[in-house]
């Protein structure tokens, strides 16, 4: 369960923060996609190396 009191920012600070620019949003999304792609590739590599997933063995 998440601790709702971990963030000590005041409500006024959160509500008056400037919105994210389109360029920053694009950068964040590129980073998120790159991380997801790396994780997926690692999973596929692990699956390919694992003898449990070999198609010729039953």
PDB file of N, CA and C in Angstrom:
ATOM      1  N   UNK A   1       0.841  -1.185   0.000  1.00  0.00           N
ATOM      2  CA  UNK A   1       0.000   0.000   0.000  1.00  0.00           C
ATOM      3  C   UNK A   1       0.882   1.242   0.000  1.00  0.00           C
ATOM      4  N   UNK A   2       0.500   2.230  -0.758  1.00  0.00           N
ATOM      5  CA  UNK A   2       1.276   3.452  -0.865  1.00  0.00           C
ATOM      6  C   UNK A   2       1.092   4.339   0.349  1.00  0.00           C
ATOM      7  N   UNK A   3       2.155   5.007   0.700  1.00  0.00           N
ATOM      8  CA  UNK A   3       2.088   5.971   1.784  1.00  0.00           C
ATOM      9  C   UNK A   3       1.685   7.319   1.184  1.00  0.00           C
ATOM     10  N   UNK A   4       0.489   7.771   1.481  1.00  0.00           N
ATOM     11  CA  UNK A   4      -0.001   9.036   0.913  1.00  0.00           C
ATOM     12  C   UNK A   4       0.678  10.253   1.522  1.00  0.00           C
ATOM     13  N   UNK A   5       1.404  10.061   2.612  1.00  0.00           N
ATOM     14  CA  UNK A   5       2.016  11.195   3.290  1.00  0.00           C
ATOM     15  C   UNK A   5       3.501  11.329   2.963  1.00  0.00           C
ATOM     16  N   UNK A   6       3.997  10.559   1.979  1.00  0.00           N
ATOM     17  CA  UNK A   6       5.417  10.596   1.632  1.00  0.00           C
ATOM     18  C   UNK A   6       5.787  11.897   0.922  1.00  0.00           C
ATOM     19  N   UNK A   7       4.851  12.490   0.171  1.00  0.00           N
ATOM     20  CA  UNK A   7       5.122  13.721  -0.549  1.00  0.00           C
ATOM     21  C   UNK A   7       4.869  14.897   0.393  1.00  0.00           C
ATOM     22  N   UNK A   8       5.908  15.662   0.654  1.00  0.00           N
ATOM     23  CA  UNK A   8       5.779  16.765   1.606  1.00  0.00           C
ATOM     24  C   UNK A   8       5.496  18.099   0.924  1.00  0.00           C
ATOM     25  N   UNK A   9       5.247  18.087  -0.378  1.00  0.00           N
ATOM     26  CA  UNK A   9       4.956  19.335  -1.088  1.00  0.00           C
ATOM     27  C   UNK A   9       3.616  19.894  -0.616  1.00  0.00           C
ATOM     28  N   UNK A  10       3.559  21.177  -0.525  1.00  0.00           N
ATOM     29  CA  UNK A  10       2.330  21.842  -0.138  1.00  0.00           C
ATOM     30  C   UNK A  10       1.373  21.890  -1.333  1.00  0.00           C
ATOM     31  N   UNK A  11       0.072  21.896  -1.052  1.00  0.00           N
ATOM     32  CA  UNK A  11      -0.921  21.916  -2.109  1.00  0.00           C
ATOM     33  C   UNK A  11      -0.748  23.135  -3.006  1.00  0.00           C
ATOM     34  N   UNK A  12      -0.461  24.292  -2.429  1.00  0.00           N
ATOM     35  CA  UNK A  12      -0.292  25.507  -3.220  1.00  0.00           C
ATOM     36  C   UNK A  12       0.871  25.352  -4.195  1.00  0.00           C
ATOM     37  N   UNK A  13       1.956  24.708  -3.759  1.00  0.00           N
ATOM     38  CA  UNK A  13       3.102  24.491  -4.645  1.00  0.00           C
ATOM     39  C   UNK A  13       2.708  23.588  -5.812  1.00  0.00           C
ATOM     40  N   UNK A  14       1.929  22.567  -5.517  1.00  0.00           N
ATOM     41  CA  UNK A  14       1.519  21.650  -6.572  1.00  0.00           C
ATOM     42  C   UNK A  14       0.564  22.304  -7.558  1.00  0.00           C
ATOM     43  N   UNK A  15      -0.335  23.126  -7.054  1.00  0.00           N
ATOM     44  CA  UNK A  15      -1.360  23.727  -7.914  1.00  0.00           C
ATOM     45  C   UNK A  15      -0.827  24.897  -8.728  1.00  0.00           C
ATOM     46  N   UNK A  16       0.258  25.526  -8.290  1.00  0.00           N
ATOM     47  CA  UNK A  16       0.781  26.682  -9.012  1.00  0.00           C
ATOM     48  C   UNK A  16       2.004  26.338  -9.848  1.00  0.00           C
ATOM     49  N   UNK A  17       2.364  25.068  -9.931  1.00  0.00           N
ATOM     50  CA  UNK A  17       3.509  24.669 -10.753  1.00  0.00           C
ATOM     51  C   UNK A  17       3.152  24.856 -12.221  1.00  0.00           C
ATOM     52  N   UNK A  18       4.107  25.338 -13.013  1.00  0.00           N
ATOM     53  CA  UNK A  18       3.809  25.529 -14.441  1.00  0.00           C
ATOM     54  C   UNK A  18       3.606  24.172 -15.127  1.00  0.00           C
ATOM     55  N   UNK A  19       2.745  24.117 -16.130  1.00  0.00           N
ATOM     56  CA  UNK A  19       2.507  22.856 -16.827  1.00  0.00           C
ATOM     57  C   UNK A  19       3.740  22.410 -17.606  1.00  0.00           C
ATOM     58  N   UNK A  20       3.799  21.133 -17.896  1.00  0.00           N
ATOM     59  CA  UNK A  20       4.916  20.570 -18.654  1.00  0.00           C
ATOM     60  C   UNK A  20       4.821  21.051 -20.102  1.00  0.00           C
ATOM     61  N   UNK A  21       5.960  21.411 -20.677  1.00  0.00           N
ATOM     62  CA  UNK A  21       5.958  21.844 -22.076  1.00  0.00           C
ATOM     63  C   UNK A  21       5.819  20.627 -22.980  1.00  0.00           C
ATOM     64  N   UNK A  22       5.433  20.877 -24.209  1.00  0.00           N
ATOM     65  CA  UNK A  22       5.275  19.786 -25.171  1.00  0.00           C
ATOM     66  C   UNK A  22       6.615  19.102 -25.430  1.00  0.00           C
ATOM     67  N   UNK A  23       7.683  19.877 -25.461  1.00  0.00           N
ATOM     68  CA  UNK A  23       9.017  19.301 -25.693  1.00  0.00           C
ATOM     69  C   UNK A  23       9.418  18.395 -24.530  1.00  0.00           C
ATOM     70  N   UNK A  24       9.155  18.834 -23.315  1.00  0.00           N
ATOM     71  CA  UNK A  24       9.495  18.020 -22.136  1.00  0.00           C
ATOM     72  C   UNK A  24       8.643  16.753 -22.107  1.00  0.00           C
ATOM     73  N   UNK A  25       7.366  16.882 -22.453  1.00  0.00           N
ATOM     74  CA  UNK A  25       6.487  15.725 -22.482  1.00  0.00           C
ATOM     75  C   UNK A  25       6.992  14.706 -23.507  1.00  0.00           C
ATOM     76  N   UNK A  26       7.393  15.180 -24.678  1.00  0.00           N
ATOM     77  CA  UNK A  26       7.918  14.281 -25.704  1.00  0.00           C
ATOM     78  C   UNK A  26       9.177  13.587 -25.215  1.00  0.00           C
ATOM     79  N   UNK A  27      10.043  14.306 -24.520  1.00  0.00           N
ATOM     80  CA  UNK A  27      11.268  13.716 -23.981  1.00  0.00           C
ATOM     81  C   UNK A  27      10.952  12.634 -22.947  1.00  0.00           C
ATOM     82  N   UNK A  28      10.021  12.915 -22.055  1.00  0.00           N
ATOM     83  CA  UNK A  28       9.622  11.942 -21.033  1.00  0.00           C
ATOM     84  C   UNK A  28       9.041  10.695 -21.687  1.00  0.00           C
ATOM     85  N   UNK A  29       8.206  10.881 -22.694  1.00  0.00           N
ATOM     86  CA  UNK A  29       7.600   9.736 -23.369  1.00  0.00           C
ATOM     87  C   UNK A  29       8.642   8.917 -24.115  1.00  0.00           C
ATOM     88  N   UNK A  30       9.622   9.571 -24.742  1.00  0.00           N
ATOM     89  CA  UNK A  30      10.701   8.836 -25.422  1.00  0.00           C
ATOM     90  C   UNK A  30      11.493   8.001 -24.427  1.00  0.00           C
ATOM     91  N   UNK A  31      11.796   8.578 -23.273  1.00  0.00           N
ATOM     92  CA  UNK A  31      12.532   7.844 -22.247  1.00  0.00           C
ATOM     93  C   UNK A  31      11.717   6.659 -21.740  1.00  0.00           C
ATOM     94  N   UNK A  32      10.439   6.854 -21.519  1.00  0.00           N
ATOM     95  CA  UNK A  32       9.565   5.781 -21.039  1.00  0.00           C
ATOM     96  C   UNK A  32       9.486   4.646 -22.066  1.00  0.00           C
ATOM     97  N   UNK A  33       9.352   5.016 -23.346  1.00  0.00           N
ATOM     98  CA  UNK A  33       9.294   4.004 -24.394  1.00  0.00           C
ATOM     99  C   UNK A  33      10.615   3.249 -24.504  1.00  0.00           C
ATOM    100  N   UNK A  34      11.731   3.956 -24.371  1.00  0.00           N
ATOM    101  CA  UNK A  34      13.043   3.306 -24.445  1.00  0.00           C
ATOM    102  C   UNK A  34      13.212   2.318 -23.295  1.00  0.00           C
ATOM    103  N   UNK A  35      12.810   2.708 -22.087  1.00  0.00           N
ATOM    104  CA  UNK A  35      12.897   1.804 -20.942  1.00  0.00           C
ATOM    105  C   UNK A  35      12.026   0.572 -21.147  1.00  0.00           C
ATOM    106  N   UNK A  36      10.808   0.782 -21.621  1.00  0.00           N
ATOM    107  CA  UNK A  36       9.902  -0.342 -21.855  1.00  0.00           C
ATOM    108  C   UNK A  36      10.474  -1.281 -22.915  1.00  0.00           C
ATOM    109  N   UNK A  37      11.050  -0.713 -23.984  1.00  0.00           N
ATOM    110  CA  UNK A  37      11.630  -1.521 -25.046  1.00  0.00           C
ATOM    111  C   UNK A  37      12.805  -2.352 -24.519  1.00  0.00           C
ATOM    112  N   UNK A  38      13.641  -1.755 -23.672  1.00  0.00           N
ATOM    113  CA  UNK A  38      14.772  -2.490 -23.097  1.00  0.00           C
ATOM    114  C   UNK A  38      14.278  -3.651 -22.238  1.00  0.00           C
ATOM    115  N   UNK A  39      13.252  -3.415 -21.452  1.00  0.00           N
ATOM    116  CA  UNK A  39      12.697  -4.470 -20.592  1.00  0.00           C
ATOM    117  C   UNK A  39      12.123  -5.592 -21.446  1.00  0.00           C
ATOM    118  N   UNK A  40      11.377  -5.237 -22.480  1.00  0.00           N
ATOM    119  CA  UNK A  40      10.797  -6.253 -23.354  1.00  0.00           C
ATOM    120  C   UNK A  40      11.877  -7.072 -24.046  1.00  0.00           C
ATOM    121  N   UNK A  41      12.938  -6.413 -24.515  1.00  0.00           N
ATOM    122  CA  UNK A  41      14.028  -7.130 -25.177  1.00  0.00           C
ATOM    123  C   UNK A  41      14.741  -8.057 -24.199  1.00  0.00           C
ATOM    124  N   UNK A  42      14.925  -7.603 -22.966  1.00  0.00           N
ATOM    125  CA  UNK A  42      15.570  -8.447 -21.958  1.00  0.00           C
ATOM    126  C   UNK A  42      14.708  -9.668 -21.658  1.00  0.00           C
ATOM    127  N   UNK A  43      13.396  -9.476 -21.574  1.00  0.00           N
ATOM    128  CA  UNK A  43      12.492 -10.610 -21.330  1.00  0.00           C
ATOM    129  C   UNK A  43      12.555 -11.608 -22.473  1.00  0.00           C
ATOM    130  N   UNK A  44      12.562 -11.095 -23.713  1.00  0.00           N
ATOM    131  CA  UNK A  44      12.620 -11.979 -24.869  1.00  0.00           C
ATOM    132  C   UNK A  44      13.941 -12.738 -24.907  1.00  0.00           C
ATOM    133  N   UNK A  45      15.046 -12.061 -24.582  1.00  0.00           N
ATOM    134  CA  UNK A  45      16.347 -12.718 -24.568  1.00  0.00           C
ATOM    135  C   UNK A  45      16.391 -13.794 -23.492  1.00  0.00           C
ATOM    136  N   UNK A  46      15.831 -13.492 -22.335  1.00  0.00           N
ATOM    137  CA  UNK A  46      15.795 -14.469 -21.247  1.00  0.00           C
ATOM    138  C   UNK A  46      14.955 -15.674 -21.654  1.00  0.00           C
ATOM    139  N   UNK A  47      13.823 -15.396 -22.287  1.00  0.00           N
ATOM    140  CA  UNK A  47      12.938 -16.478 -22.724  1.00  0.00           C
ATOM    141  C   UNK A  47      13.632 -17.340 -23.780  1.00  0.00           C
ATOM    142  N   UNK A  48      14.394 -16.715 -24.679  1.00  0.00           N
ATOM    143  CA  UNK A  48      15.081 -17.451 -25.736  1.00  0.00           C
ATOM    144  C   UNK A  48      16.197 -18.321 -25.162  1.00  0.00           C
ATOM    145  N   UNK A  49      16.858 -17.887 -24.090  1.00  0.00           N
ATOM    146  CA  UNK A  49      17.957 -18.628 -23.492  1.00  0.00           C
ATOM    147  C   UNK A  49      17.486 -19.701 -22.517  1.00  0.00           C
ATOM    148  N   UNK A  50      16.273 -19.614 -22.069  1.00  0.00           N
ATOM    149  CA  UNK A  50      15.770 -20.531 -21.053  1.00  0.00           C
ATOM    150  C   UNK A  50      15.357 -21.848 -21.701  1.00  0.00           C
ATOM    151  N   UNK A  51      15.945 -22.968 -21.286  1.00  0.00           N
ATOM    152  CA  UNK A  51      15.591 -24.252 -21.906  1.00  0.00           C
ATOM    153  C   UNK A  51      14.133 -24.657 -21.664  1.00  0.00           C
ATOM    154  N   UNK A  52      13.501 -24.083 -20.664  1.00  0.00           N
ATOM    155  CA  UNK A  52      12.106 -24.403 -20.380  1.00  0.00           C
ATOM    156  C   UNK A  52      11.199 -23.984 -21.537  1.00  0.00           C
ATOM    157  N   UNK A  53      11.625 -22.949 -22.276  1.00  0.00           N
ATOM    158  CA  UNK A  53      10.786 -22.429 -23.351  1.00  0.00           C
ATOM    159  C   UNK A  53      11.173 -22.973 -24.715  1.00  0.00           C
ATOM    160  N   UNK A  54      12.110 -23.915 -24.767  1.00  0.00           N
ATOM    161  CA  UNK A  54      12.482 -24.503 -26.061  1.00  0.00           C
ATOM    162  C   UNK A  54      11.292 -25.271 -26.622  1.00  0.00           C
ATOM    163  N   UNK A  55      11.027 -25.085 -27.901  1.00  0.00           N
ATOM    164  CA  UNK A  55       9.883 -25.721 -28.518  1.00  0.00           C
ATOM    165  C   UNK A  55      10.069 -27.199 -28.775  1.00  0.00           C
ATOM    166  N   UNK A  56      11.339 -27.680 -28.868  1.00  0.00           N
ATOM    167  CA  UNK A  56      11.563 -29.082 -29.210  1.00  0.00           C
ATOM    168  C   UNK A  56      11.515 -29.995 -27.998  1.00  0.00           C
ATOM    169  N   UNK A  57      11.507 -29.489 -26.792  1.00  0.00           N
ATOM    170  CA  UNK A  57      11.461 -30.315 -25.590  1.00  0.00           C
ATOM    171  C   UNK A  57      10.056 -30.301 -24.993  1.00  0.00           C
ATOM    172  N   UNK A  58       9.611 -31.465 -24.524  1.00  0.00           N
ATOM    173  CA  UNK A  58       8.312 -31.531 -23.861  1.00  0.00           C
ATOM    174  C   UNK A  58       8.397 -32.401 -22.667  1.00  0.00           C
TER     175      UNK A  58
END
